């Protein structure tokens, strides 16, 4: 006798917590019944928590800015930093979903844009965790903490290409790789080994782009430096 029982949909809070507590079953539910409410809340929460890290950045900005380069007003820097983070997450959300669809099709998987968008959005839980830990660290110690290979780097060293690489290897990056492996296996209906390989390759590409961006940003800053 065939079991036609349909599992009830997880509630919003259950999904938001479930991606960490029970990712397998939760991403199964997300793929079966995609939504955008959880991802939007993750982005809003990350933006709110980022206020603390923005304050920390303002405190270290003089250390990373070469002598002679004019400093922007702190209020403008804070507002633009928060808006930039939120807009960045909003833009990256559908882009990552399209990448998931494209890579999945190469593996012979079929997934809709709404399914990929939901999976991409719920993976932002690692952004929430990172922002939360940074907020707690700053509130208790007065400075932000990077839980990775770059945690002992100075602010200036962290802004270099090597610093970007070292900072990318952190607890939250490892959590993202683990969660993405589970999520993509559910989305594409493929083995864990295939989704893990795809996740690692995509992560390495993102790190490479971040390194290139840091290199270009450093060159641009040096061009702006006023000769003494």
N, C-alpha and C. Protein backbone atom coordinates (compact mmCIF):
# COMPACT_ATOMS: atom_id res chain seq x y z
N UNK A 1 0.85 -1.19 0.00
CA UNK A 1 0.00 0.00 0.00
C UNK A 1 0.89 1.25 0.00
N UNK A 2 0.64 2.17 -0.92
CA UNK A 2 1.47 3.35 -1.06
C UNK A 2 1.14 4.39 0.00
N UNK A 3 2.16 4.96 0.60
CA UNK A 3 1.98 6.00 1.62
C UNK A 3 1.90 7.35 0.91
N UNK A 4 0.70 7.95 0.93
CA UNK A 4 0.50 9.23 0.26
C UNK A 4 0.43 10.38 1.25
N UNK A 5 0.87 10.14 2.47
CA UNK A 5 0.83 11.18 3.49
C UNK A 5 1.79 12.32 3.14
N UNK A 6 1.27 13.53 3.15
CA UNK A 6 2.08 14.70 2.85
C UNK A 6 2.53 15.34 4.16
N UNK A 7 3.82 15.51 4.32
CA UNK A 7 4.33 16.11 5.54
C UNK A 7 3.92 17.58 5.60
N UNK A 8 3.49 18.02 6.78
CA UNK A 8 3.10 19.44 6.90
C UNK A 8 4.31 20.35 6.71
N UNK A 9 4.06 21.51 6.15
CA UNK A 9 5.14 22.46 5.90
C UNK A 9 5.66 23.01 7.22
N UNK A 10 6.98 23.13 7.33
CA UNK A 10 7.58 23.72 8.52
C UNK A 10 7.23 25.20 8.59
N UNK A 11 7.02 25.70 9.79
CA UNK A 11 6.77 27.12 9.97
C UNK A 11 8.01 27.95 9.70
N UNK A 12 7.83 29.26 9.61
CA UNK A 12 8.95 30.15 9.28
C UNK A 12 10.07 30.05 10.30
N UNK A 13 9.72 30.11 11.59
CA UNK A 13 10.75 30.02 12.63
C UNK A 13 11.43 28.66 12.61
N UNK A 14 10.65 27.61 12.38
CA UNK A 14 11.21 26.25 12.32
C UNK A 14 12.20 26.13 11.18
N UNK A 15 11.90 26.79 10.06
CA UNK A 15 12.82 26.74 8.92
C UNK A 15 14.10 27.52 9.23
N UNK A 16 13.94 28.70 9.81
CA UNK A 16 15.10 29.54 10.08
C UNK A 16 16.05 28.89 11.07
N UNK A 17 15.51 28.17 12.05
CA UNK A 17 16.34 27.45 13.01
C UNK A 17 16.78 26.10 12.46
N UNK A 18 15.90 25.50 11.65
CA UNK A 18 16.15 24.15 11.15
C UNK A 18 17.33 24.05 10.20
N UNK A 19 17.65 25.13 9.48
CA UNK A 19 18.79 25.06 8.56
C UNK A 19 20.09 24.81 9.31
N UNK A 20 20.10 25.11 10.62
CA UNK A 20 21.27 24.81 11.44
C UNK A 20 21.09 23.53 12.25
N UNK A 21 19.89 23.34 12.79
CA UNK A 21 19.65 22.21 13.70
C UNK A 21 19.42 20.90 12.93
N UNK A 22 18.63 20.97 11.86
CA UNK A 22 18.31 19.78 11.08
C UNK A 22 18.30 20.16 9.59
N UNK A 23 19.48 20.45 9.01
CA UNK A 23 19.53 20.97 7.65
C UNK A 23 18.96 20.03 6.59
N UNK A 24 19.17 18.72 6.74
CA UNK A 24 18.68 17.77 5.74
C UNK A 24 17.17 17.86 5.55
N UNK A 25 16.44 17.67 6.63
CA UNK A 25 14.98 17.71 6.56
C UNK A 25 14.47 19.11 6.21
N UNK A 26 15.15 20.13 6.72
CA UNK A 26 14.71 21.51 6.48
C UNK A 26 14.87 21.90 5.02
N UNK A 27 16.01 21.58 4.42
CA UNK A 27 16.19 21.92 3.00
C UNK A 27 15.32 21.05 2.11
N UNK A 28 14.99 19.85 2.55
CA UNK A 28 14.00 19.04 1.83
C UNK A 28 12.67 19.80 1.77
N UNK A 29 12.28 20.37 2.90
CA UNK A 29 11.03 21.11 3.00
C UNK A 29 11.09 22.40 2.19
N UNK A 30 12.23 23.08 2.22
CA UNK A 30 12.40 24.34 1.48
C UNK A 30 12.33 24.10 -0.02
N UNK A 31 12.95 23.03 -0.49
CA UNK A 31 12.91 22.70 -1.93
C UNK A 31 11.50 22.33 -2.35
N UNK A 32 10.78 21.60 -1.49
CA UNK A 32 9.41 21.17 -1.82
C UNK A 32 8.44 22.34 -1.80
N UNK A 33 8.66 23.30 -0.87
CA UNK A 33 7.76 24.45 -0.73
C UNK A 33 8.60 25.72 -0.53
N UNK A 34 9.21 26.23 -1.59
CA UNK A 34 10.09 27.40 -1.47
C UNK A 34 9.35 28.65 -1.01
N UNK A 35 10.06 29.50 -0.25
CA UNK A 35 9.50 30.77 0.19
C UNK A 35 10.61 31.82 0.22
N UNK A 36 10.22 33.08 0.38
CA UNK A 36 11.20 34.17 0.41
C UNK A 36 11.21 34.89 1.75
N UNK A 37 10.26 34.57 2.63
CA UNK A 37 10.15 35.28 3.91
C UNK A 37 11.38 35.08 4.79
N UNK A 38 11.81 33.84 4.93
CA UNK A 38 12.99 33.55 5.75
C UNK A 38 14.25 34.24 5.24
N UNK A 39 14.56 34.11 3.95
CA UNK A 39 15.74 34.80 3.41
C UNK A 39 15.71 36.32 3.62
N UNK A 40 14.54 36.94 3.43
CA UNK A 40 14.44 38.39 3.63
C UNK A 40 14.71 38.75 5.09
N UNK A 41 14.17 37.96 6.01
CA UNK A 41 14.42 38.21 7.43
C UNK A 41 15.89 38.04 7.77
N UNK A 42 16.55 37.05 7.19
CA UNK A 42 17.98 36.86 7.41
C UNK A 42 18.77 38.10 6.98
N UNK A 43 18.41 38.67 5.84
CA UNK A 43 19.11 39.85 5.34
C UNK A 43 18.87 41.05 6.26
N UNK A 44 17.63 41.22 6.73
CA UNK A 44 17.31 42.33 7.63
C UNK A 44 18.06 42.19 8.95
N UNK A 45 18.08 40.97 9.50
CA UNK A 45 18.78 40.73 10.77
C UNK A 45 20.28 40.98 10.61
N UNK A 46 20.84 40.52 9.49
CA UNK A 46 22.27 40.74 9.24
C UNK A 46 22.57 42.23 9.16
N UNK A 47 21.71 42.98 8.47
CA UNK A 47 21.90 44.42 8.36
C UNK A 47 21.84 45.11 9.71
N UNK A 48 20.90 44.68 10.57
CA UNK A 48 20.78 45.29 11.90
C UNK A 48 22.00 44.98 12.77
N UNK A 49 22.47 43.74 12.70
CA UNK A 49 23.63 43.36 13.50
C UNK A 49 24.93 43.99 12.98
N UNK A 50 24.94 44.35 11.70
CA UNK A 50 26.15 44.90 11.11
C UNK A 50 26.50 46.28 11.64
N UNK A 51 25.55 46.92 12.33
CA UNK A 51 25.82 48.25 12.90
C UNK A 51 27.05 48.18 13.80
N UNK A 52 27.16 47.10 14.55
CA UNK A 52 28.28 46.94 15.48
C UNK A 52 29.59 46.80 14.73
N UNK A 53 29.61 45.97 13.69
CA UNK A 53 30.85 45.79 12.93
C UNK A 53 31.22 47.05 12.16
N UNK A 54 30.22 47.83 11.75
CA UNK A 54 30.50 49.09 11.06
C UNK A 54 31.21 50.06 12.01
N UNK A 55 30.75 50.08 13.26
CA UNK A 55 31.40 50.93 14.26
C UNK A 55 32.85 50.50 14.44
N UNK A 56 33.08 49.18 14.48
CA UNK A 56 34.44 48.67 14.62
C UNK A 56 35.30 49.09 13.43
N UNK A 57 34.71 49.03 12.23
CA UNK A 57 35.43 49.43 11.02
C UNK A 57 35.81 50.91 11.08
N UNK A 58 34.90 51.73 11.59
CA UNK A 58 35.19 53.16 11.69
C UNK A 58 36.37 53.41 12.63
N UNK A 59 36.46 52.59 13.68
CA UNK A 59 37.56 52.76 14.64
C UNK A 59 38.91 52.37 14.04
N UNK A 60 38.90 51.40 13.10
CA UNK A 60 40.16 50.92 12.52
C UNK A 60 40.46 51.58 11.18
N UNK A 61 39.53 52.40 10.67
CA UNK A 61 39.72 53.02 9.37
C UNK A 61 41.01 53.84 9.27
N UNK A 62 41.36 54.62 10.31
CA UNK A 62 42.61 55.38 10.20
C UNK A 62 43.84 54.50 10.04
N UNK A 63 43.80 53.26 10.55
CA UNK A 63 44.95 52.35 10.45
C UNK A 63 45.15 51.85 9.03
N UNK A 64 44.03 51.71 8.27
CA UNK A 64 44.11 51.14 6.92
C UNK A 64 44.13 52.19 5.83
N UNK A 65 43.98 53.45 6.21
CA UNK A 65 43.98 54.53 5.21
C UNK A 65 45.35 55.18 5.17
N UNK A 66 46.01 55.20 4.02
CA UNK A 66 47.34 55.82 3.92
C UNK A 66 47.32 57.29 4.31
N UNK A 67 48.43 57.78 4.80
CA UNK A 67 48.55 59.17 5.19
C UNK A 67 48.31 60.08 3.98
N UNK A 68 47.48 61.10 4.20
CA UNK A 68 47.21 62.04 3.13
C UNK A 68 45.90 61.79 2.41
N UNK A 69 45.32 60.59 2.57
CA UNK A 69 44.04 60.30 1.95
C UNK A 69 42.93 60.86 2.83
N UNK A 70 42.04 61.71 2.30
CA UNK A 70 40.99 62.32 3.12
C UNK A 70 40.03 61.28 3.69
N UNK A 71 39.66 61.45 4.98
CA UNK A 71 38.76 60.53 5.66
C UNK A 71 37.30 60.96 5.43
N UNK A 72 36.40 60.04 5.07
CA UNK A 72 35.00 60.39 4.90
C UNK A 72 34.34 60.63 6.26
N UNK A 73 33.23 61.37 6.31
CA UNK A 73 32.52 61.59 7.57
C UNK A 73 32.06 60.26 8.17
N UNK A 74 32.21 60.05 9.48
CA UNK A 74 31.83 58.77 10.10
C UNK A 74 30.37 58.38 9.87
N UNK A 75 29.45 59.34 9.98
CA UNK A 75 28.03 59.03 9.80
C UNK A 75 27.76 58.52 8.38
N UNK A 76 28.38 59.17 7.41
CA UNK A 76 28.21 58.76 6.01
C UNK A 76 28.78 57.38 5.78
N UNK A 77 29.93 57.11 6.39
CA UNK A 77 30.55 55.80 6.25
C UNK A 77 29.68 54.71 6.87
N UNK A 78 29.09 54.99 8.04
CA UNK A 78 28.24 54.00 8.71
C UNK A 78 27.00 53.69 7.89
N UNK A 79 26.30 54.72 7.45
CA UNK A 79 25.06 54.52 6.68
C UNK A 79 25.35 53.82 5.36
N UNK A 80 26.39 54.27 4.66
CA UNK A 80 26.71 53.65 3.38
C UNK A 80 27.17 52.20 3.57
N UNK A 81 27.85 51.93 4.69
CA UNK A 81 28.29 50.57 4.96
C UNK A 81 27.12 49.62 5.18
N UNK A 82 26.13 50.06 5.97
CA UNK A 82 24.96 49.22 6.25
C UNK A 82 24.14 49.01 4.98
N UNK A 83 23.87 50.11 4.26
CA UNK A 83 23.10 50.00 3.02
C UNK A 83 23.84 49.16 1.98
N UNK A 84 25.16 49.33 1.93
CA UNK A 84 25.95 48.55 0.99
C UNK A 84 25.88 47.06 1.28
N UNK A 85 25.92 46.71 2.58
CA UNK A 85 25.84 45.31 2.97
C UNK A 85 24.49 44.71 2.58
N UNK A 86 23.41 45.43 2.91
CA UNK A 86 22.07 44.93 2.61
C UNK A 86 21.86 44.81 1.11
N UNK A 87 22.25 45.84 0.36
CA UNK A 87 22.11 45.79 -1.10
C UNK A 87 22.96 44.68 -1.69
N UNK A 88 24.17 44.49 -1.12
CA UNK A 88 25.03 43.43 -1.60
C UNK A 88 24.40 42.05 -1.42
N UNK A 89 23.79 41.83 -0.25
CA UNK A 89 23.12 40.56 0.01
C UNK A 89 21.90 40.38 -0.89
N UNK A 90 21.15 41.47 -1.12
CA UNK A 90 19.97 41.39 -1.98
C UNK A 90 20.35 41.09 -3.42
N UNK A 91 21.47 41.65 -3.88
CA UNK A 91 21.92 41.40 -5.26
C UNK A 91 22.50 40.00 -5.39
N UNK A 92 23.31 39.59 -4.41
CA UNK A 92 23.98 38.29 -4.48
C UNK A 92 22.99 37.14 -4.35
N UNK A 93 21.88 37.37 -3.64
CA UNK A 93 20.87 36.33 -3.41
C UNK A 93 20.37 35.72 -4.74
N UNK A 94 19.80 36.50 -5.67
CA UNK A 94 19.35 35.89 -6.93
C UNK A 94 20.48 35.45 -7.85
N UNK A 95 21.63 36.16 -7.77
CA UNK A 95 22.76 35.75 -8.61
C UNK A 95 23.21 34.35 -8.23
N UNK A 96 23.33 34.11 -6.92
CA UNK A 96 23.74 32.77 -6.47
C UNK A 96 22.69 31.73 -6.87
N UNK A 97 21.41 32.11 -6.84
CA UNK A 97 20.36 31.19 -7.25
C UNK A 97 20.52 30.80 -8.72
N UNK A 98 20.82 31.77 -9.57
CA UNK A 98 21.04 31.49 -10.99
C UNK A 98 22.26 30.60 -11.20
N UNK A 99 23.31 30.84 -10.39
CA UNK A 99 24.51 29.99 -10.46
C UNK A 99 24.16 28.56 -10.07
N UNK A 100 23.35 28.40 -9.02
CA UNK A 100 22.92 27.07 -8.59
C UNK A 100 22.15 26.37 -9.71
N UNK A 101 21.28 27.13 -10.39
CA UNK A 101 20.51 26.53 -11.49
C UNK A 101 21.43 26.10 -12.62
N UNK A 102 22.40 26.98 -12.96
CA UNK A 102 23.31 26.67 -14.06
C UNK A 102 24.18 25.47 -13.78
N UNK A 103 24.79 25.43 -12.58
CA UNK A 103 25.66 24.30 -12.23
C UNK A 103 24.83 23.03 -12.13
N UNK A 104 23.63 23.15 -11.56
CA UNK A 104 22.76 21.98 -11.45
C UNK A 104 22.41 21.39 -12.80
N UNK A 105 22.15 22.27 -13.79
CA UNK A 105 21.81 21.78 -15.13
C UNK A 105 22.99 21.05 -15.76
N UNK A 106 24.21 21.49 -15.45
CA UNK A 106 25.40 20.80 -15.96
C UNK A 106 25.51 19.39 -15.37
N UNK A 107 24.97 19.22 -14.18
CA UNK A 107 25.00 17.91 -13.53
C UNK A 107 23.77 17.08 -13.87
N UNK A 108 22.92 17.64 -14.76
CA UNK A 108 21.72 16.90 -15.16
C UNK A 108 20.55 17.06 -14.21
N UNK A 109 20.64 18.03 -13.30
CA UNK A 109 19.58 18.25 -12.32
C UNK A 109 18.59 19.28 -12.84
N UNK A 110 17.36 19.19 -12.40
CA UNK A 110 16.33 20.15 -12.78
C UNK A 110 15.78 20.82 -11.52
N UNK A 111 15.91 22.13 -11.47
CA UNK A 111 15.37 22.88 -10.33
C UNK A 111 14.80 24.19 -10.85
N UNK A 112 13.75 24.65 -10.21
CA UNK A 112 13.13 25.91 -10.63
C UNK A 112 13.89 27.08 -10.01
N UNK A 113 13.63 28.28 -10.54
CA UNK A 113 14.29 29.46 -9.99
C UNK A 113 13.82 29.73 -8.56
N UNK A 114 12.53 29.49 -8.29
CA UNK A 114 12.02 29.74 -6.94
C UNK A 114 12.66 28.80 -5.93
N UNK A 115 12.92 27.55 -6.31
CA UNK A 115 13.59 26.60 -5.42
C UNK A 115 15.03 27.04 -5.16
N UNK A 116 15.73 27.40 -6.24
CA UNK A 116 17.12 27.84 -6.11
C UNK A 116 17.21 29.13 -5.30
N UNK A 117 16.24 30.03 -5.50
CA UNK A 117 16.23 31.30 -4.78
C UNK A 117 16.03 31.07 -3.28
N UNK A 118 15.13 30.15 -2.93
CA UNK A 118 14.89 29.85 -1.52
C UNK A 118 16.12 29.23 -0.86
N UNK A 119 16.75 28.28 -1.55
CA UNK A 119 17.95 27.64 -1.01
C UNK A 119 19.06 28.66 -0.85
N UNK A 120 19.26 29.49 -1.87
CA UNK A 120 20.29 30.54 -1.81
C UNK A 120 20.05 31.48 -0.64
N UNK A 121 18.80 31.86 -0.43
CA UNK A 121 18.47 32.79 0.64
C UNK A 121 18.66 32.22 2.03
N UNK A 122 18.27 30.97 2.22
CA UNK A 122 18.41 30.36 3.55
C UNK A 122 19.87 30.08 3.90
N UNK A 123 20.74 29.99 2.90
CA UNK A 123 22.16 29.80 3.18
C UNK A 123 22.78 31.06 3.78
N UNK A 124 22.05 32.18 3.74
CA UNK A 124 22.53 33.41 4.39
C UNK A 124 22.51 33.31 5.91
N UNK A 125 22.09 32.17 6.43
CA UNK A 125 22.12 31.98 7.88
C UNK A 125 23.55 32.14 8.40
N UNK A 126 24.55 31.80 7.57
CA UNK A 126 25.94 31.96 8.01
C UNK A 126 26.30 33.44 8.15
N UNK A 127 25.70 34.30 7.34
CA UNK A 127 25.91 35.74 7.46
C UNK A 127 25.35 36.24 8.78
N UNK A 128 24.20 35.69 9.17
CA UNK A 128 23.59 36.07 10.45
C UNK A 128 24.48 35.65 11.61
N UNK A 129 24.98 34.43 11.55
CA UNK A 129 25.87 33.93 12.61
C UNK A 129 27.13 34.78 12.73
N UNK A 130 27.73 35.11 11.59
CA UNK A 130 28.94 35.91 11.58
C UNK A 130 28.69 37.30 12.17
N UNK A 131 27.58 37.93 11.77
CA UNK A 131 27.24 39.26 12.28
C UNK A 131 26.94 39.20 13.77
N UNK A 132 26.28 38.12 14.22
CA UNK A 132 25.94 37.98 15.64
C UNK A 132 27.19 37.84 16.49
N UNK A 133 28.11 36.98 16.07
CA UNK A 133 29.35 36.77 16.82
C UNK A 133 30.17 38.05 16.85
N UNK A 134 30.22 38.76 15.72
CA UNK A 134 30.96 40.02 15.67
C UNK A 134 30.36 41.05 16.62
N UNK A 135 29.02 41.11 16.68
CA UNK A 135 28.34 42.05 17.56
C UNK A 135 28.63 41.74 19.03
N UNK A 136 28.57 40.45 19.38
CA UNK A 136 28.84 40.04 20.76
C UNK A 136 30.29 40.32 21.13
N UNK A 137 31.20 40.01 20.21
CA UNK A 137 32.63 40.22 20.47
C UNK A 137 32.92 41.70 20.69
N UNK A 138 32.33 42.55 19.85
CA UNK A 138 32.59 43.98 19.99
C UNK A 138 31.99 44.53 21.28
N UNK A 139 30.80 44.02 21.64
CA UNK A 139 30.13 44.49 22.86
C UNK A 139 30.89 44.10 24.12
N UNK A 140 31.59 42.95 24.07
CA UNK A 140 32.27 42.46 25.27
C UNK A 140 33.76 42.82 25.31
N UNK A 141 34.38 42.94 24.14
CA UNK A 141 35.82 43.19 24.12
C UNK A 141 36.19 44.54 23.50
N UNK A 142 35.24 45.17 22.84
CA UNK A 142 35.53 46.45 22.22
C UNK A 142 36.16 46.32 20.85
N UNK A 143 36.25 45.12 20.32
CA UNK A 143 36.82 44.91 18.99
C UNK A 143 36.18 43.69 18.35
N UNK A 144 36.21 43.65 17.02
CA UNK A 144 35.64 42.52 16.30
C UNK A 144 36.61 41.35 16.32
N UNK A 145 36.07 40.15 16.14
CA UNK A 145 36.89 38.94 16.17
C UNK A 145 36.63 38.13 14.91
N UNK A 146 37.71 37.69 14.27
CA UNK A 146 37.61 36.81 13.10
C UNK A 146 38.01 35.41 13.53
N UNK A 147 37.04 34.49 13.52
CA UNK A 147 37.30 33.12 13.99
C UNK A 147 37.88 32.28 12.85
N UNK A 148 39.12 32.62 12.48
CA UNK A 148 39.76 31.89 11.40
C UNK A 148 41.25 32.09 11.39
N UNK A 149 41.87 31.76 10.27
CA UNK A 149 43.33 31.85 10.17
C UNK A 149 43.83 33.28 10.23
N UNK A 150 42.96 34.25 9.93
CA UNK A 150 43.39 35.64 9.93
C UNK A 150 43.08 36.39 11.19
N UNK A 151 42.75 35.67 12.26
CA UNK A 151 42.30 36.34 13.48
C UNK A 151 43.41 37.14 14.17
N UNK A 152 44.68 36.83 13.88
CA UNK A 152 45.78 37.55 14.51
C UNK A 152 46.32 38.68 13.63
N UNK A 153 45.72 38.88 12.46
CA UNK A 153 46.21 39.91 11.55
C UNK A 153 45.76 41.30 12.01
N UNK A 154 46.58 42.30 11.72
CA UNK A 154 46.18 43.67 11.98
C UNK A 154 45.17 44.09 10.92
N UNK A 155 44.52 45.24 11.14
CA UNK A 155 43.53 45.71 10.17
C UNK A 155 44.16 45.95 8.81
N UNK A 156 45.39 46.46 8.80
CA UNK A 156 46.08 46.72 7.53
C UNK A 156 46.44 45.42 6.82
N UNK A 157 46.89 44.42 7.58
CA UNK A 157 47.25 43.13 6.98
C UNK A 157 46.02 42.42 6.44
N UNK A 158 44.89 42.56 7.14
CA UNK A 158 43.66 41.89 6.71
C UNK A 158 43.15 42.43 5.39
N UNK A 159 43.53 43.66 5.04
CA UNK A 159 43.07 44.28 3.80
C UNK A 159 43.90 43.87 2.60
N UNK A 160 44.99 43.12 2.82
CA UNK A 160 45.84 42.67 1.71
C UNK A 160 45.24 41.41 1.10
N UNK A 161 45.63 41.05 -0.14
CA UNK A 161 45.13 39.81 -0.76
C UNK A 161 45.38 38.58 0.11
N UNK A 162 46.58 38.48 0.72
CA UNK A 162 46.86 37.34 1.59
C UNK A 162 45.93 37.35 2.80
N UNK A 163 45.70 38.54 3.34
CA UNK A 163 44.80 38.65 4.48
C UNK A 163 43.39 38.22 4.14
N UNK A 164 42.94 38.54 2.93
CA UNK A 164 41.61 38.13 2.48
C UNK A 164 41.51 36.60 2.43
N UNK A 165 42.56 35.96 1.92
CA UNK A 165 42.57 34.50 1.85
C UNK A 165 42.52 33.88 3.24
N UNK A 166 43.35 34.39 4.15
CA UNK A 166 43.39 33.85 5.50
C UNK A 166 42.07 34.08 6.23
N UNK A 167 41.47 35.25 6.04
CA UNK A 167 40.19 35.54 6.68
C UNK A 167 39.05 34.70 6.11
N UNK A 168 39.20 34.28 4.85
CA UNK A 168 38.16 33.46 4.23
C UNK A 168 38.08 32.07 4.84
N UNK A 169 39.22 31.59 5.37
CA UNK A 169 39.24 30.27 6.01
C UNK A 169 38.87 30.47 7.48
N UNK A 170 37.56 30.44 7.74
CA UNK A 170 37.08 30.68 9.10
C UNK A 170 35.93 29.74 9.43
N UNK A 171 35.47 29.81 10.66
CA UNK A 171 34.41 28.92 11.13
C UNK A 171 33.15 29.05 10.28
N UNK A 172 32.78 30.29 9.96
CA UNK A 172 31.54 30.51 9.22
C UNK A 172 31.65 30.02 7.78
N UNK A 173 32.85 30.13 7.19
CA UNK A 173 33.06 29.59 5.86
C UNK A 173 32.90 28.08 5.84
N UNK A 174 33.42 27.42 6.88
CA UNK A 174 33.29 25.96 6.98
C UNK A 174 31.83 25.55 7.19
N UNK A 175 31.10 26.33 8.01
CA UNK A 175 29.68 26.06 8.22
C UNK A 175 28.92 26.21 6.91
N UNK A 176 29.27 27.29 6.15
CA UNK A 176 28.61 27.50 4.86
C UNK A 176 28.85 26.32 3.92
N UNK A 177 30.10 25.86 3.85
CA UNK A 177 30.41 24.74 2.95
C UNK A 177 29.61 23.50 3.35
N UNK A 178 29.50 23.24 4.65
CA UNK A 178 28.74 22.07 5.12
C UNK A 178 27.26 22.21 4.79
N UNK A 179 26.68 23.39 5.07
CA UNK A 179 25.26 23.60 4.81
C UNK A 179 24.96 23.60 3.31
N UNK A 180 25.83 24.24 2.52
CA UNK A 180 25.63 24.28 1.08
C UNK A 180 25.70 22.88 0.47
N UNK A 181 26.58 22.06 1.01
CA UNK A 181 26.68 20.68 0.53
C UNK A 181 25.36 19.94 0.71
N UNK A 182 24.77 20.09 1.89
CA UNK A 182 23.47 19.45 2.16
C UNK A 182 22.38 20.06 1.29
N UNK A 183 22.35 21.41 1.23
CA UNK A 183 21.29 22.11 0.50
C UNK A 183 21.29 21.77 -0.99
N UNK A 184 22.49 21.76 -1.60
CA UNK A 184 22.57 21.49 -3.03
C UNK A 184 22.27 20.03 -3.35
N UNK A 185 22.60 19.13 -2.43
CA UNK A 185 22.25 17.72 -2.62
C UNK A 185 20.72 17.56 -2.67
N UNK A 186 20.03 18.32 -1.82
CA UNK A 186 18.57 18.27 -1.81
C UNK A 186 17.98 18.97 -3.03
N UNK A 187 18.57 20.11 -3.41
CA UNK A 187 18.06 20.89 -4.54
C UNK A 187 18.24 20.14 -5.86
N UNK A 188 19.42 19.57 -6.05
CA UNK A 188 19.75 18.91 -7.32
C UNK A 188 19.41 17.43 -7.34
N UNK A 189 19.10 16.87 -6.17
CA UNK A 189 18.85 15.44 -6.05
C UNK A 189 20.06 14.63 -6.53
N UNK A 190 21.25 15.03 -6.02
CA UNK A 190 22.49 14.35 -6.37
C UNK A 190 23.16 13.84 -5.10
N UNK A 191 24.26 13.14 -5.27
CA UNK A 191 24.99 12.62 -4.12
C UNK A 191 25.68 13.75 -3.36
N UNK A 192 25.98 13.49 -2.10
CA UNK A 192 26.66 14.48 -1.27
C UNK A 192 28.05 14.81 -1.81
N UNK A 193 28.72 13.81 -2.38
CA UNK A 193 30.06 14.05 -2.92
C UNK A 193 30.02 15.05 -4.08
N UNK A 194 29.01 14.95 -4.94
CA UNK A 194 28.90 15.89 -6.06
C UNK A 194 28.58 17.30 -5.58
N UNK A 195 27.65 17.40 -4.62
CA UNK A 195 27.30 18.73 -4.12
C UNK A 195 28.45 19.35 -3.33
N UNK A 196 29.23 18.51 -2.64
CA UNK A 196 30.39 19.02 -1.89
C UNK A 196 31.45 19.55 -2.85
N UNK A 197 31.71 18.81 -3.93
CA UNK A 197 32.70 19.25 -4.92
C UNK A 197 32.28 20.57 -5.55
N UNK A 198 31.00 20.67 -5.91
CA UNK A 198 30.49 21.90 -6.52
C UNK A 198 30.58 23.07 -5.54
N UNK A 199 30.24 22.83 -4.28
CA UNK A 199 30.29 23.88 -3.26
C UNK A 199 31.71 24.41 -3.09
N UNK A 200 32.67 23.51 -3.00
CA UNK A 200 34.07 23.91 -2.78
C UNK A 200 34.60 24.71 -3.97
N UNK A 201 34.27 24.26 -5.19
CA UNK A 201 34.73 24.99 -6.39
C UNK A 201 34.13 26.39 -6.41
N UNK A 202 32.83 26.51 -6.14
CA UNK A 202 32.18 27.82 -6.12
C UNK A 202 32.75 28.71 -5.03
N UNK A 203 33.05 28.13 -3.87
CA UNK A 203 33.62 28.90 -2.77
C UNK A 203 35.01 29.42 -3.14
N UNK A 204 35.81 28.59 -3.79
CA UNK A 204 37.15 29.00 -4.22
C UNK A 204 37.07 30.14 -5.24
N UNK A 205 36.08 30.08 -6.12
CA UNK A 205 35.91 31.16 -7.10
C UNK A 205 35.58 32.47 -6.41
N UNK A 206 34.68 32.41 -5.42
CA UNK A 206 34.30 33.61 -4.67
C UNK A 206 35.51 34.19 -3.93
N UNK A 207 36.31 33.32 -3.31
CA UNK A 207 37.52 33.78 -2.61
C UNK A 207 38.48 34.42 -3.60
N UNK A 208 38.64 33.81 -4.77
CA UNK A 208 39.51 34.38 -5.79
C UNK A 208 39.07 35.76 -6.23
N UNK A 209 37.76 35.94 -6.40
CA UNK A 209 37.24 37.25 -6.78
C UNK A 209 37.47 38.28 -5.67
N UNK A 210 37.35 37.84 -4.41
CA UNK A 210 37.58 38.73 -3.27
C UNK A 210 39.04 39.17 -3.22
N UNK A 211 39.94 38.25 -3.51
CA UNK A 211 41.37 38.57 -3.53
C UNK A 211 41.66 39.59 -4.63
N UNK A 212 41.09 39.38 -5.80
CA UNK A 212 41.29 40.31 -6.91
C UNK A 212 40.75 41.69 -6.56
N UNK A 213 39.60 41.71 -5.91
CA UNK A 213 38.99 42.98 -5.51
C UNK A 213 39.87 43.71 -4.49
N UNK A 214 40.43 42.96 -3.53
CA UNK A 214 41.30 43.56 -2.53
C UNK A 214 42.56 44.13 -3.17
N UNK A 215 43.10 43.40 -4.15
CA UNK A 215 44.30 43.87 -4.85
C UNK A 215 44.04 45.16 -5.61
N UNK A 216 42.91 45.20 -6.33
CA UNK A 216 42.56 46.40 -7.09
C UNK A 216 42.26 47.57 -6.15
N UNK A 217 41.57 47.26 -5.03
CA UNK A 217 41.26 48.32 -4.07
C UNK A 217 42.51 48.91 -3.45
N UNK A 218 43.49 48.06 -3.18
CA UNK A 218 44.75 48.53 -2.59
C UNK A 218 45.50 49.40 -3.59
N UNK A 219 45.51 49.01 -4.86
CA UNK A 219 46.18 49.81 -5.87
C UNK A 219 45.50 51.17 -6.04
N UNK A 220 44.17 51.17 -6.00
CA UNK A 220 43.43 52.42 -6.14
C UNK A 220 43.70 53.36 -4.98
N UNK A 221 43.77 52.79 -3.76
CA UNK A 221 44.05 53.60 -2.57
C UNK A 221 45.44 54.22 -2.65
N UNK A 222 46.40 53.43 -3.12
CA UNK A 222 47.76 53.95 -3.25
C UNK A 222 47.84 55.07 -4.29
N UNK A 223 47.01 54.99 -5.32
CA UNK A 223 46.98 56.04 -6.33
C UNK A 223 46.45 57.36 -5.76
N UNK A 224 45.55 57.22 -4.75
CA UNK A 224 44.97 58.42 -4.14
C UNK A 224 45.87 59.05 -3.10
N UNK A 225 46.89 58.31 -2.68
CA UNK A 225 47.77 58.81 -1.62
C UNK A 225 48.47 60.10 -2.05
N UNK A 226 48.38 61.11 -1.18
CA UNK A 226 48.98 62.40 -1.47
C UNK A 226 50.46 62.36 -1.08
N UNK A 227 51.37 62.68 -2.00
CA UNK A 227 52.80 62.67 -1.68
C UNK A 227 53.11 63.65 -0.56
N UNK A 228 54.00 63.23 0.32
CA UNK A 228 54.37 64.10 1.46
C UNK A 228 55.50 65.04 1.06
